[in-house]
């Protein structure tokens, strides 16, 4: 009820303003295009570009996996790679415990012990 009275009072005050209601001033079409381009540019550099970089880094990480590397999976498993296949890797988690996981689930790769020394 209160908001309706406010809008009615505002409309009445506008009608009594004494100014002739003319057409609204024209806004150039290119200014809205510039605004849209700026919004897209900010969106691209703040959201899309960093995501593309992270995806490329993940692809590079997956391509560099080889036998003997220490890996961490997205599920939190830590282990040593014992076999690399097209889409999966076999990870030795503990003595006599091997787990096959998708390459896409690897979050970090550390070079094997032989290369580290």
PDB file of N, CA and C in Angstrom:
ATOM      1  N   UNK A   1       0.823  -1.182   0.000  1.00  0.00           N
ATOM      2  CA  UNK A   1       0.000   0.000   0.000  1.00  0.00           C
ATOM      3  C   UNK A   1       0.868   1.246   0.000  1.00  0.00           C
ATOM      4  N   UNK A   2       1.929   1.289   0.829  1.00  0.00           N
ATOM      5  CA  UNK A   2       2.772   2.466   0.942  1.00  0.00           C
ATOM      6  C   UNK A   2       3.539   2.742  -0.339  1.00  0.00           C
ATOM      7  N   UNK A   3       4.021   1.697  -0.999  1.00  0.00           N
ATOM      8  CA  UNK A   3       4.798   1.889  -2.229  1.00  0.00           C
ATOM      9  C   UNK A   3       3.915   2.393  -3.359  1.00  0.00           C
ATOM     10  N   UNK A   4       2.657   1.951  -3.362  1.00  0.00           N
ATOM     11  CA  UNK A   4       1.731   2.402  -4.402  1.00  0.00           C
ATOM     12  C   UNK A   4       1.447   3.896  -4.266  1.00  0.00           C
ATOM     13  N   UNK A   5       1.296   4.364  -3.020  1.00  0.00           N
ATOM     14  CA  UNK A   5       1.092   5.794  -2.792  1.00  0.00           C
ATOM     15  C   UNK A   5       2.309   6.596  -3.243  1.00  0.00           C
ATOM     16  N   UNK A   6       3.484   6.054  -2.986  1.00  0.00           N
ATOM     17  CA  UNK A   6       4.711   6.729  -3.405  1.00  0.00           C
ATOM     18  C   UNK A   6       4.746   6.893  -4.915  1.00  0.00           C
ATOM     19  N   UNK A   7       4.444   5.831  -5.654  1.00  0.00           N
ATOM     20  CA  UNK A   7       4.487   5.899  -7.117  1.00  0.00           C
ATOM     21  C   UNK A   7       3.405   6.834  -7.669  1.00  0.00           C
ATOM     22  N   UNK A   8       2.237   6.808  -7.028  1.00  0.00           N
ATOM     23  CA  UNK A   8       1.179   7.716  -7.482  1.00  0.00           C
ATOM     24  C   UNK A   8       1.579   9.165  -7.246  1.00  0.00           C
ATOM     25  N   UNK A   9       2.194   9.450  -6.099  1.00  0.00           N
ATOM     26  CA  UNK A   9       2.637  10.812  -5.794  1.00  0.00           C
ATOM     27  C   UNK A   9       3.749  11.235  -6.745  1.00  0.00           C
ATOM     28  N   UNK A  10       4.641  10.323  -7.062  1.00  0.00           N
ATOM     29  CA  UNK A  10       5.737  10.637  -7.981  1.00  0.00           C
ATOM     30  C   UNK A  10       5.202  10.906  -9.375  1.00  0.00           C
ATOM     31  N   UNK A  11       4.216  10.136  -9.812  1.00  0.00           N
ATOM     32  CA  UNK A  11       3.632  10.340 -11.137  1.00  0.00           C
ATOM     33  C   UNK A  11       2.890  11.668 -11.193  1.00  0.00           C
ATOM     34  N   UNK A  12       2.183  12.000 -10.130  1.00  0.00           N
ATOM     35  CA  UNK A  12       1.441  13.257 -10.095  1.00  0.00           C
ATOM     36  C   UNK A  12       2.400  14.448 -10.062  1.00  0.00           C
ATOM     37  N   UNK A  13       3.483  14.338  -9.317  1.00  0.00           N
ATOM     38  CA  UNK A  13       4.462  15.426  -9.251  1.00  0.00           C
ATOM     39  C   UNK A  13       5.127  15.612 -10.607  1.00  0.00           C
ATOM     40  N   UNK A  14       5.342  14.539 -11.318  1.00  0.00           N
ATOM     41  CA  UNK A  14       5.935  14.633 -12.651  1.00  0.00           C
ATOM     42  C   UNK A  14       4.989  15.275 -13.631  1.00  0.00           C
ATOM     43  N   UNK A  15       3.701  15.018 -13.482  1.00  0.00           N
ATOM     44  CA  UNK A  15       2.707  15.593 -14.391  1.00  0.00           C
ATOM     45  C   UNK A  15       2.532  17.080 -14.122  1.00  0.00           C
ATOM     46  N   UNK A  16       2.718  17.498 -12.880  1.00  0.00           N
ATOM     47  CA  UNK A  16       2.542  18.900 -12.523  1.00  0.00           C
ATOM     48  C   UNK A  16       3.828  19.699 -12.698  1.00  0.00           C
ATOM     49  N   UNK A  17       4.865  19.078 -13.177  1.00  0.00           N
ATOM     50  CA  UNK A  17       6.162  19.733 -13.284  1.00  0.00           C
ATOM     51  C   UNK A  17       6.163  20.940 -14.186  1.00  0.00           C
ATOM     52  N   UNK A  18       5.245  21.063 -15.079  1.00  0.00           N
ATOM     53  CA  UNK A  18       5.149  22.221 -15.937  1.00  0.00           C
ATOM     54  C   UNK A  18       5.993  22.122 -17.189  1.00  0.00           C
ATOM     55  N   UNK A  19       6.841  21.149 -17.288  1.00  0.00           N
ATOM     56  CA  UNK A  19       7.655  21.010 -18.491  1.00  0.00           C
ATOM     57  C   UNK A  19       6.909  20.149 -19.492  1.00  0.00           C
ATOM     58  N   UNK A  20       7.061  20.523 -20.727  1.00  0.00           N
ATOM     59  CA  UNK A  20       6.437  19.724 -21.771  1.00  0.00           C
ATOM     60  C   UNK A  20       7.230  18.432 -21.930  1.00  0.00           C
ATOM     61  N   UNK A  21       6.501  17.348 -22.007  1.00  0.00           N
ATOM     62  CA  UNK A  21       7.153  16.054 -22.162  1.00  0.00           C
ATOM     63  C   UNK A  21       7.557  15.883 -23.609  1.00  0.00           C
ATOM     64  N   UNK A  22       8.812  16.052 -23.872  1.00  0.00           N
ATOM     65  CA  UNK A  22       9.317  15.892 -25.228  1.00  0.00           C
ATOM     66  C   UNK A  22       9.932  14.512 -25.392  1.00  0.00           C
ATOM     67  N   UNK A  23      10.411  14.254 -26.554  1.00  0.00           N
ATOM     68  CA  UNK A  23      11.056  12.955 -26.757  1.00  0.00           C
ATOM     69  C   UNK A  23      12.341  12.881 -25.931  1.00  0.00           C
ATOM     70  N   UNK A  24      12.660  11.708 -25.439  1.00  0.00           N
ATOM     71  CA  UNK A  24      13.884  11.570 -24.645  1.00  0.00           C
ATOM     72  C   UNK A  24      15.111  11.819 -25.527  1.00  0.00           C
ATOM     73  N   UNK A  25      16.182  12.305 -24.949  1.00  0.00           N
ATOM     74  CA  UNK A  25      17.378  12.557 -25.754  1.00  0.00           C
ATOM     75  C   UNK A  25      17.905  11.249 -26.344  1.00  0.00           C
ATOM     76  N   UNK A  26      18.382  11.332 -27.571  1.00  0.00           N
ATOM     77  CA  UNK A  26      18.876  10.133 -28.245  1.00  0.00           C
ATOM     78  C   UNK A  26      20.255   9.769 -27.734  1.00  0.00           C
ATOM     79  N   UNK A  27      20.441   8.490 -27.519  1.00  0.00           N
ATOM     80  CA  UNK A  27      21.747   7.965 -27.131  1.00  0.00           C
ATOM     81  C   UNK A  27      22.365   7.364 -28.383  1.00  0.00           C
ATOM     82  N   UNK A  28      23.568   7.747 -28.726  1.00  0.00           N
ATOM     83  CA  UNK A  28      24.188   7.187 -29.926  1.00  0.00           C
ATOM     84  C   UNK A  28      24.303   5.667 -29.830  1.00  0.00           C
ATOM     85  N   UNK A  29      24.058   4.996 -30.930  1.00  0.00           N
ATOM     86  CA  UNK A  29      24.073   3.530 -30.945  1.00  0.00           C
ATOM     87  C   UNK A  29      25.462   2.984 -30.651  1.00  0.00           C
ATOM     88  N   UNK A  30      26.492   3.693 -31.094  1.00  0.00           N
ATOM     89  CA  UNK A  30      27.843   3.174 -30.893  1.00  0.00           C
ATOM     90  C   UNK A  30      28.246   3.166 -29.417  1.00  0.00           C
ATOM     91  N   UNK A  31      27.650   4.016 -28.588  1.00  0.00           N
ATOM     92  CA  UNK A  31      28.019   4.023 -27.169  1.00  0.00           C
ATOM     93  C   UNK A  31      27.562   2.744 -26.479  1.00  0.00           C
ATOM     94  N   UNK A  32      26.406   2.231 -26.864  1.00  0.00           N
ATOM     95  CA  UNK A  32      25.970   0.963 -26.275  1.00  0.00           C
ATOM     96  C   UNK A  32      26.828  -0.187 -26.783  1.00  0.00           C
ATOM     97  N   UNK A  33      27.292  -0.093 -28.028  1.00  0.00           N
ATOM     98  CA  UNK A  33      28.190  -1.129 -28.545  1.00  0.00           C
ATOM     99  C   UNK A  33      29.539  -1.088 -27.840  1.00  0.00           C
ATOM    100  N   UNK A  34      30.024   0.109 -27.557  1.00  0.00           N
ATOM    101  CA  UNK A  34      31.289   0.239 -26.838  1.00  0.00           C
ATOM    102  C   UNK A  34      31.158  -0.345 -25.434  1.00  0.00           C
ATOM    103  N   UNK A  35      30.053  -0.056 -24.773  1.00  0.00           N
ATOM    104  CA  UNK A  35      29.816  -0.601 -23.438  1.00  0.00           C
ATOM    105  C   UNK A  35      29.762  -2.119 -23.480  1.00  0.00           C
ATOM    106  N   UNK A  36      29.074  -2.665 -24.451  1.00  0.00           N
ATOM    107  CA  UNK A  36      28.981  -4.112 -24.594  1.00  0.00           C
ATOM    108  C   UNK A  36      30.353  -4.722 -24.857  1.00  0.00           C
ATOM    109  N   UNK A  37      31.156  -4.078 -25.697  1.00  0.00           N
ATOM    110  CA  UNK A  37      32.506  -4.571 -25.987  1.00  0.00           C
ATOM    111  C   UNK A  37      33.384  -4.531 -24.739  1.00  0.00           C
ATOM    112  N   UNK A  38      33.259  -3.481 -23.944  1.00  0.00           N
ATOM    113  CA  UNK A  38      34.033  -3.396 -22.704  1.00  0.00           C
ATOM    114  C   UNK A  38      33.645  -4.498 -21.722  1.00  0.00           C
ATOM    115  N   UNK A  39      32.362  -4.758 -21.605  1.00  0.00           N
ATOM    116  CA  UNK A  39      31.899  -5.826 -20.717  1.00  0.00           C
ATOM    117  C   UNK A  39      32.434  -7.167 -21.192  1.00  0.00           C
ATOM    118  N   UNK A  40      32.377  -7.418 -22.495  1.00  0.00           N
ATOM    119  CA  UNK A  40      32.897  -8.674 -23.031  1.00  0.00           C
ATOM    120  C   UNK A  40      34.403  -8.777 -22.798  1.00  0.00           C
ATOM    121  N   UNK A  41      35.129  -7.674 -22.982  1.00  0.00           N
ATOM    122  CA  UNK A  41      36.578  -7.683 -22.769  1.00  0.00           C
ATOM    123  C   UNK A  41      36.939  -8.016 -21.333  1.00  0.00           C
ATOM    124  N   UNK A  42      36.254  -7.402 -20.391  1.00  0.00           N
ATOM    125  CA  UNK A  42      36.499  -7.699 -18.979  1.00  0.00           C
ATOM    126  C   UNK A  42      36.163  -9.154 -18.687  1.00  0.00           C
ATOM    127  N   UNK A  43      35.049  -9.626 -19.191  1.00  0.00           N
ATOM    128  CA  UNK A  43      34.638 -11.018 -19.000  1.00  0.00           C
ATOM    129  C   UNK A  43      35.697 -11.967 -19.555  1.00  0.00           C
ATOM    130  N   UNK A  44      36.221 -11.659 -20.742  1.00  0.00           N
ATOM    131  CA  UNK A  44      37.221 -12.516 -21.379  1.00  0.00           C
ATOM    132  C   UNK A  44      38.500 -12.576 -20.550  1.00  0.00           C
ATOM    133  N   UNK A  45      39.016 -11.416 -20.150  1.00  0.00           N
ATOM    134  CA  UNK A  45      40.302 -11.400 -19.457  1.00  0.00           C
ATOM    135  C   UNK A  45      40.216 -11.845 -17.999  1.00  0.00           C
ATOM    136  N   UNK A  46      39.058 -11.755 -17.375  1.00  0.00           N
ATOM    137  CA  UNK A  46      38.938 -12.188 -15.989  1.00  0.00           C
ATOM    138  C   UNK A  46      38.461 -13.626 -15.832  1.00  0.00           C
ATOM    139  N   UNK A  47      37.719 -14.152 -16.808  1.00  0.00           N
ATOM    140  CA  UNK A  47      37.164 -15.494 -16.652  1.00  0.00           C
ATOM    141  C   UNK A  47      37.663 -16.491 -17.692  1.00  0.00           C
ATOM    142  N   UNK A  48      37.554 -16.157 -18.948  1.00  0.00           N
ATOM    143  CA  UNK A  48      37.841 -17.127 -20.005  1.00  0.00           C
ATOM    144  C   UNK A  48      39.338 -17.388 -20.146  1.00  0.00           C
ATOM    145  N   UNK A  49      40.138 -16.341 -20.217  1.00  0.00           N
ATOM    146  CA  UNK A  49      41.580 -16.488 -20.444  1.00  0.00           C
ATOM    147  C   UNK A  49      42.274 -17.301 -19.343  1.00  0.00           C
ATOM    148  N   UNK A  50      42.048 -17.022 -18.061  1.00  0.00           N
ATOM    149  CA  UNK A  50      42.690 -17.843 -17.029  1.00  0.00           C
ATOM    150  C   UNK A  50      42.261 -19.308 -17.079  1.00  0.00           C
ATOM    151  N   UNK A  51      41.011 -19.543 -17.437  1.00  0.00           N
ATOM    152  CA  UNK A  51      40.535 -20.918 -17.531  1.00  0.00           C
ATOM    153  C   UNK A  51      41.223 -21.648 -18.680  1.00  0.00           C
ATOM    154  N   UNK A  52      41.447 -20.966 -19.799  1.00  0.00           N
ATOM    155  CA  UNK A  52      42.157 -21.573 -20.922  1.00  0.00           C
ATOM    156  C   UNK A  52      43.598 -21.894 -20.542  1.00  0.00           C
ATOM    157  N   UNK A  53      44.249 -21.005 -19.807  1.00  0.00           N
ATOM    158  CA  UNK A  53      45.622 -21.259 -19.369  1.00  0.00           C
ATOM    159  C   UNK A  53      45.682 -22.475 -18.455  1.00  0.00           C
ATOM    160  N   UNK A  54      44.741 -22.581 -17.528  1.00  0.00           N
ATOM    161  CA  UNK A  54      44.715 -23.717 -16.605  1.00  0.00           C
ATOM    162  C   UNK A  54      44.472 -25.021 -17.358  1.00  0.00           C
ATOM    163  N   UNK A  55      43.607 -24.982 -18.368  1.00  0.00           N
ATOM    164  CA  UNK A  55      43.339 -26.190 -19.154  1.00  0.00           C
ATOM    165  C   UNK A  55      44.584 -26.620 -19.930  1.00  0.00           C
ATOM    166  N   UNK A  56      45.298 -25.666 -20.531  1.00  0.00           N
ATOM    167  CA  UNK A  56      46.525 -25.995 -21.261  1.00  0.00           C
ATOM    168  C   UNK A  56      47.581 -26.570 -20.325  1.00  0.00           C
ATOM    169  N   UNK A  57      47.687 -26.016 -19.133  1.00  0.00           N
ATOM    170  CA  UNK A  57      48.644 -26.522 -18.148  1.00  0.00           C
ATOM    171  C   UNK A  57      48.283 -27.950 -17.744  1.00  0.00           C
ATOM    172  N   UNK A  58      46.994 -28.240 -17.554  1.00  0.00           N
ATOM    173  CA  UNK A  58      46.548 -29.590 -17.211  1.00  0.00           C
ATOM    174  C   UNK A  58      46.856 -30.562 -18.345  1.00  0.00           C
ATOM    175  N   UNK A  59      46.634 -30.143 -19.594  1.00  0.00           N
ATOM    176  CA  UNK A  59      46.937 -31.008 -20.737  1.00  0.00           C
ATOM    177  C   UNK A  59      48.434 -31.285 -20.829  1.00  0.00           C
ATOM    178  N   UNK A  60      49.264 -30.269 -20.565  1.00  0.00           N
ATOM    179  CA  UNK A  60      50.710 -30.446 -20.586  1.00  0.00           C
ATOM    180  C   UNK A  60      51.137 -31.412 -19.481  1.00  0.00           C
ATOM    181  N   UNK A  61      50.538 -31.276 -18.314  1.00  0.00           N
ATOM    182  CA  UNK A  61      50.837 -32.147 -17.190  1.00  0.00           C
ATOM    183  C   UNK A  61      50.496 -33.595 -17.525  1.00  0.00           C
ATOM    184  N   UNK A  62      49.330 -33.818 -18.113  1.00  0.00           N
ATOM    185  CA  UNK A  62      48.895 -35.172 -18.460  1.00  0.00           C
ATOM    186  C   UNK A  62      49.801 -35.779 -19.523  1.00  0.00           C
ATOM    187  N   UNK A  63      50.211 -34.970 -20.491  1.00  0.00           N
ATOM    188  CA  UNK A  63      51.065 -35.481 -21.564  1.00  0.00           C
ATOM    189  C   UNK A  63      52.464 -35.835 -21.066  1.00  0.00           C
ATOM    190  N   UNK A  64      52.910 -35.220 -19.974  1.00  0.00           N
ATOM    191  CA  UNK A  64      54.273 -35.444 -19.501  1.00  0.00           C
ATOM    192  C   UNK A  64      54.397 -36.604 -18.515  1.00  0.00           C
ATOM    193  N   UNK A  65      53.311 -37.258 -18.159  1.00  0.00           N
ATOM    194  CA  UNK A  65      53.355 -38.345 -17.183  1.00  0.00           C
ATOM    195  C   UNK A  65      54.085 -39.544 -17.775  1.00  0.00           C
ATOM    196  N   UNK A  66      55.009 -40.104 -16.974  1.00  0.00           N
ATOM    197  CA  UNK A  66      55.694 -41.327 -17.403  1.00  0.00           C
ATOM    198  C   UNK A  66      55.948 -42.212 -16.189  1.00  0.00           C
ATOM    199  N   UNK A  67      56.354 -43.425 -16.443  1.00  0.00           N
ATOM    200  CA  UNK A  67      56.593 -44.400 -15.386  1.00  0.00           C
ATOM    201  C   UNK A  67      57.639 -43.864 -14.409  1.00  0.00           C
ATOM    202  N   UNK A  68      57.368 -44.022 -13.125  1.00  0.00           N
ATOM    203  CA  UNK A  68      58.279 -43.571 -12.082  1.00  0.00           C
ATOM    204  C   UNK A  68      57.923 -42.219 -11.494  1.00  0.00           C
ATOM    205  N   UNK A  69      57.027 -41.481 -12.107  1.00  0.00           N
ATOM    206  CA  UNK A  69      56.632 -40.170 -11.590  1.00  0.00           C
ATOM    207  C   UNK A  69      55.749 -40.332 -10.359  1.00  0.00           C
ATOM    208  N   UNK A  70      55.888 -39.393  -9.421  1.00  0.00           N
ATOM    209  CA  UNK A  70      55.004 -39.343  -8.258  1.00  0.00           C
ATOM    210  C   UNK A  70      53.830 -38.453  -8.629  1.00  0.00           C
ATOM    211  N   UNK A  71      52.610 -38.918  -8.351  1.00  0.00           N
ATOM    212  CA  UNK A  71      51.413 -38.178  -8.747  1.00  0.00           C
ATOM    213  C   UNK A  71      50.441 -38.041  -7.579  1.00  0.00           C
ATOM    214  N   UNK A  72      49.575 -37.033  -7.705  1.00  0.00           N
ATOM    215  CA  UNK A  72      48.455 -36.834  -6.783  1.00  0.00           C
ATOM    216  C   UNK A  72      47.208 -36.762  -7.647  1.00  0.00           C
ATOM    217  N   UNK A  73      46.173 -37.520  -7.264  1.00  0.00           N
ATOM    218  CA  UNK A  73      44.926 -37.502  -8.029  1.00  0.00           C
ATOM    219  C   UNK A  73      43.958 -36.503  -7.403  1.00  0.00           C
ATOM    220  N   UNK A  74      42.893 -36.205  -8.132  1.00  0.00           N
ATOM    221  CA  UNK A  74      41.881 -35.280  -7.615  1.00  0.00           C
ATOM    222  C   UNK A  74      41.161 -35.863  -6.403  1.00  0.00           C
ATOM    223  N   UNK A  75      41.215 -37.181  -6.243  1.00  0.00           N
ATOM    224  CA  UNK A  75      40.611 -37.822  -5.083  1.00  0.00           C
ATOM    225  C   UNK A  75      41.527 -37.845  -3.875  1.00  0.00           C
ATOM    226  N   UNK A  76      42.776 -37.373  -4.049  1.00  0.00           N
ATOM    227  CA  UNK A  76      43.703 -37.311  -2.932  1.00  0.00           C
ATOM    228  C   UNK A  76      44.659 -38.483  -2.831  1.00  0.00           C
ATOM    229  N   UNK A  77      44.631 -39.403  -3.786  1.00  0.00           N
ATOM    230  CA  UNK A  77      45.559 -40.528  -3.752  1.00  0.00           C
ATOM    231  C   UNK A  77      46.952 -40.072  -4.146  1.00  0.00           C
ATOM    232  N   UNK A  78      47.949 -40.537  -3.387  1.00  0.00           N
ATOM    233  CA  UNK A  78      49.345 -40.274  -3.704  1.00  0.00           C
ATOM    234  C   UNK A  78      49.976 -41.597  -4.106  1.00  0.00           C
ATOM    235  N   UNK A  79      50.764 -41.594  -5.159  1.00  0.00           N
ATOM    236  CA  UNK A  79      51.395 -42.832  -5.569  1.00  0.00           C
ATOM    237  C   UNK A  79      52.429 -42.617  -6.647  1.00  0.00           C
ATOM    238  N   UNK A  80      52.998 -43.742  -7.089  1.00  0.00           N
ATOM    239  CA  UNK A  80      54.014 -43.738  -8.131  1.00  0.00           C
ATOM    240  C   UNK A  80      53.442 -44.415  -9.364  1.00  0.00           C
ATOM    241  N   UNK A  81      53.639 -43.804 -10.515  1.00  0.00           N
ATOM    242  CA  UNK A  81      53.123 -44.353 -11.769  1.00  0.00           C
ATOM    243  C   UNK A  81      53.938 -45.587 -12.135  1.00  0.00           C
ATOM    244  N   UNK A  82      53.239 -46.705 -12.386  1.00  0.00           N
ATOM    245  CA  UNK A  82      53.919 -47.931 -12.800  1.00  0.00           C
ATOM    246  C   UNK A  82      53.655 -48.275 -14.256  1.00  0.00           C
ATOM    247  N   UNK A  83      52.561 -47.764 -14.826  1.00  0.00           N
ATOM    248  CA  UNK A  83      52.237 -48.059 -16.221  1.00  0.00           C
ATOM    249  C   UNK A  83      51.385 -46.909 -16.771  1.00  0.00           C
ATOM    250  N   UNK A  84      51.677 -46.507 -18.003  1.00  0.00           N
ATOM    251  CA  UNK A  84      50.932 -45.427 -18.651  1.00  0.00           C
ATOM    252  C   UNK A  84      50.227 -45.990 -19.875  1.00  0.00           C
ATOM    253  N   UNK A  85      48.917 -45.771 -19.962  1.00  0.00           N
ATOM    254  CA  UNK A  85      48.126 -46.183 -21.122  1.00  0.00           C
ATOM    255  C   UNK A  85      47.593 -44.932 -21.810  1.00  0.00           C
ATOM    256  N   UNK A  86      46.735 -45.119 -22.826  1.00  0.00           N
ATOM    257  CA  UNK A  86      46.207 -43.970 -23.565  1.00  0.00           C
ATOM    258  C   UNK A  86      45.440 -43.002 -22.670  1.00  0.00           C
ATOM    259  N   UNK A  87      44.449 -43.496 -21.957  1.00  0.00           N
ATOM    260  CA  UNK A  87      43.578 -42.632 -21.151  1.00  0.00           C
ATOM    261  C   UNK A  87      43.759 -42.828 -19.646  1.00  0.00           C
ATOM    262  N   UNK A  88      44.480 -43.868 -19.241  1.00  0.00           N
ATOM    263  CA  UNK A  88      44.621 -44.169 -17.818  1.00  0.00           C
ATOM    264  C   UNK A  88      46.085 -44.361 -17.439  1.00  0.00           C
ATOM    265  N   UNK A  89      46.334 -44.324 -16.137  1.00  0.00           N
ATOM    266  CA  UNK A  89      47.648 -44.658 -15.583  1.00  0.00           C
ATOM    267  C   UNK A  89      47.433 -45.619 -14.428  1.00  0.00           C
ATOM    268  N   UNK A  90      48.410 -46.493 -14.227  1.00  0.00           N
ATOM    269  CA  UNK A  90      48.379 -47.427 -13.107  1.00  0.00           C
ATOM    270  C   UNK A  90      49.294 -46.854 -12.035  1.00  0.00           C
ATOM    271  N   UNK A  91      48.748 -46.657 -10.843  1.00  0.00           N
ATOM    272  CA  UNK A  91      49.492 -46.023  -9.757  1.00  0.00           C
ATOM    273  C   UNK A  91      49.686 -47.024  -8.629  1.00  0.00           C
ATOM    274  N   UNK A  92      50.946 -47.127  -8.145  1.00  0.00           N
ATOM    275  CA  UNK A  92      51.226 -47.948  -6.965  1.00  0.00           C
ATOM    276  C   UNK A  92      51.063 -47.039  -5.759  1.00  0.00           C
ATOM    277  N   UNK A  93      50.044 -47.350  -4.951  1.00  0.00           N
ATOM    278  CA  UNK A  93      49.724 -46.529  -3.788  1.00  0.00           C
ATOM    279  C   UNK A  93      50.485 -47.026  -2.561  1.00  0.00           C
ATOM    280  N   UNK A  94      50.597 -48.346  -2.413  1.00  0.00           N
ATOM    281  CA  UNK A  94      51.325 -48.971  -1.309  1.00  0.00           C
ATOM    282  C   UNK A  94      51.866 -50.303  -1.825  1.00  0.00           C
ATOM    283  N   UNK A  95      52.589 -51.035  -0.976  1.00  0.00           N
ATOM    284  CA  UNK A  95      53.089 -52.345  -1.393  1.00  0.00           C
ATOM    285  C   UNK A  95      51.917 -53.227  -1.810  1.00  0.00           C
ATOM    286  N   UNK A  96      52.016 -53.784  -3.001  1.00  0.00           N
ATOM    287  CA  UNK A  96      51.001 -54.689  -3.554  1.00  0.00           C
ATOM    288  C   UNK A  96      49.623 -54.036  -3.709  1.00  0.00           C
ATOM    289  N   UNK A  97      49.562 -52.717  -3.756  1.00  0.00           N
ATOM    290  CA  UNK A  97      48.295 -52.022  -3.983  1.00  0.00           C
ATOM    291  C   UNK A  97      48.469 -51.107  -5.188  1.00  0.00           C
ATOM    292  N   UNK A  98      47.774 -51.456  -6.276  1.00  0.00           N
ATOM    293  CA  UNK A  98      47.842 -50.648  -7.491  1.00  0.00           C
ATOM    294  C   UNK A  98      46.432 -50.210  -7.861  1.00  0.00           C
ATOM    295  N   UNK A  99      46.324 -48.978  -8.320  1.00  0.00           N
ATOM    296  CA  UNK A  99      45.036 -48.403  -8.679  1.00  0.00           C
ATOM    297  C   UNK A  99      45.155 -47.826 -10.077  1.00  0.00           C
ATOM    298  N   UNK A 100      44.155 -48.111 -10.916  1.00  0.00           N
ATOM    299  CA  UNK A 100      44.128 -47.530 -12.255  1.00  0.00           C
ATOM    300  C   UNK A 100      43.191 -46.321 -12.230  1.00  0.00           C
ATOM    301  N   UNK A 101      43.718 -45.169 -12.643  1.00  0.00           N
ATOM    302  CA  UNK A 101      42.926 -43.936 -12.636  1.00  0.00           C
ATOM    303  C   UNK A 101      43.012 -43.273 -14.001  1.00  0.00           C
ATOM    304  N   UNK A 102      42.032 -42.432 -14.291  1.00  0.00           N
ATOM    305  CA  UNK A 102      42.056 -41.655 -15.530  1.00  0.00           C
ATOM    306  C   UNK A 102      43.151 -40.600 -15.455  1.00  0.00           C
ATOM    307  N   UNK A 103      43.780 -40.343 -16.581  1.00  0.00           N
ATOM    308  CA  UNK A 103      44.804 -39.296 -16.622  1.00  0.00           C
ATOM    309  C   UNK A 103      44.213 -37.940 -16.262  1.00  0.00           C
ATOM    310  N   UNK A 104      42.962 -37.729 -16.627  1.00  0.00           N
ATOM    311  CA  UNK A 104      42.330 -36.435 -16.355  1.00  0.00           C
ATOM    312  C   UNK A 104      42.134 -36.182 -14.863  1.00  0.00           C
ATOM    313  N   UNK A 105      42.257 -37.215 -14.024  1.00  0.00           N
ATOM    314  CA  UNK A 105      42.091 -37.017 -12.583  1.00  0.00           C
ATOM    315  C   UNK A 105      43.396 -36.642 -11.888  1.00  0.00           C
ATOM    316  N   UNK A 106      44.495 -36.567 -12.621  1.00  0.00           N
ATOM    317  CA  UNK A 106      45.773 -36.191 -12.017  1.00  0.00           C
ATOM    318  C   UNK A 106      45.809 -34.683 -11.796  1.00  0.00           C
ATOM    319  N   UNK A 107      46.204 -34.289 -10.584  1.00  0.00           N
ATOM    320  CA  UNK A 107      46.272 -32.859 -10.281  1.00  0.00           C
ATOM    321  C   UNK A 107      47.697 -32.349 -10.202  1.00  0.00           C
ATOM    322  N   UNK A 108      48.648 -33.213  -9.831  1.00  0.00           N
ATOM    323  CA  UNK A 108      50.046 -32.784  -9.831  1.00  0.00           C
ATOM    324  C   UNK A 108      50.941 -33.971 -10.135  1.00  0.00           C
ATOM    325  N   UNK A 109      52.067 -33.663 -10.761  1.00  0.00           N
ATOM    326  CA  UNK A 109      53.049 -34.677 -11.130  1.00  0.00           C
ATOM    327  C   UNK A 109      54.411 -34.184 -10.672  1.00  0.00           C
ATOM    328  N   UNK A 110      55.125 -35.052  -9.937  1.00  0.00           N
ATOM    329  CA  UNK A 110      56.492 -34.765  -9.526  1.00  0.00           C
ATOM    330  C   UNK A 110      57.375 -35.812 -10.176  1.00  0.00           C
ATOM    331  N   UNK A 111      58.487 -35.378 -10.740  1.00  0.00           N
ATOM    332  CA  UNK A 111      59.361 -36.328 -11.421  1.00  0.00           C
ATOM    333  C   UNK A 111      59.818 -37.397 -10.444  1.00  0.00           C
ATOM    334  N   UNK A 112      60.090 -38.583 -10.994  1.00  0.00           N
ATOM    335  CA  UNK A 112      60.443 -39.748 -10.184  1.00  0.00           C
ATOM    336  C   UNK A 112      61.691 -39.563  -9.350  1.00  0.00           C
ATOM    337  N   UNK A 113      61.931 -40.515  -8.413  1.00  0.00           N
ATOM    338  CA  UNK A 113      63.062 -40.427  -7.493  1.00  0.00           C
ATOM    339  C   UNK A 113      64.393 -40.476  -8.223  1.00  0.00           C
ATOM    340  N   UNK A 114      64.477 -41.240  -9.312  1.00  0.00           N
ATOM    341  CA  UNK A 114      65.739 -41.379 -10.040  1.00  0.00           C
ATOM    342  C   UNK A 114      66.171 -40.037 -10.630  1.00  0.00           C
ATOM    343  N   UNK A 115      65.234 -39.257 -11.143  1.00  0.00           N
ATOM    344  CA  UNK A 115      65.560 -37.962 -11.732  1.00  0.00           C
ATOM    345  C   UNK A 115      65.799 -36.906 -10.665  1.00  0.00           C
ATOM    346  N   UNK A 116      65.178 -37.054  -9.512  1.00  0.00           N
ATOM    347  CA  UNK A 116      65.302 -36.055  -8.457  1.00  0.00           C
ATOM    348  C   UNK A 116      66.696 -36.061  -7.844  1.00  0.00           C
ATOM    349  N   UNK A 117      67.399 -37.208  -7.861  1.00  0.00           N
ATOM    350  CA  UNK A 117      68.731 -37.316  -7.240  1.00  0.00           C
ATOM    351  C   UNK A 117      69.808 -36.878  -8.128  1.00  0.00           C
TER     352      UNK A 117
END
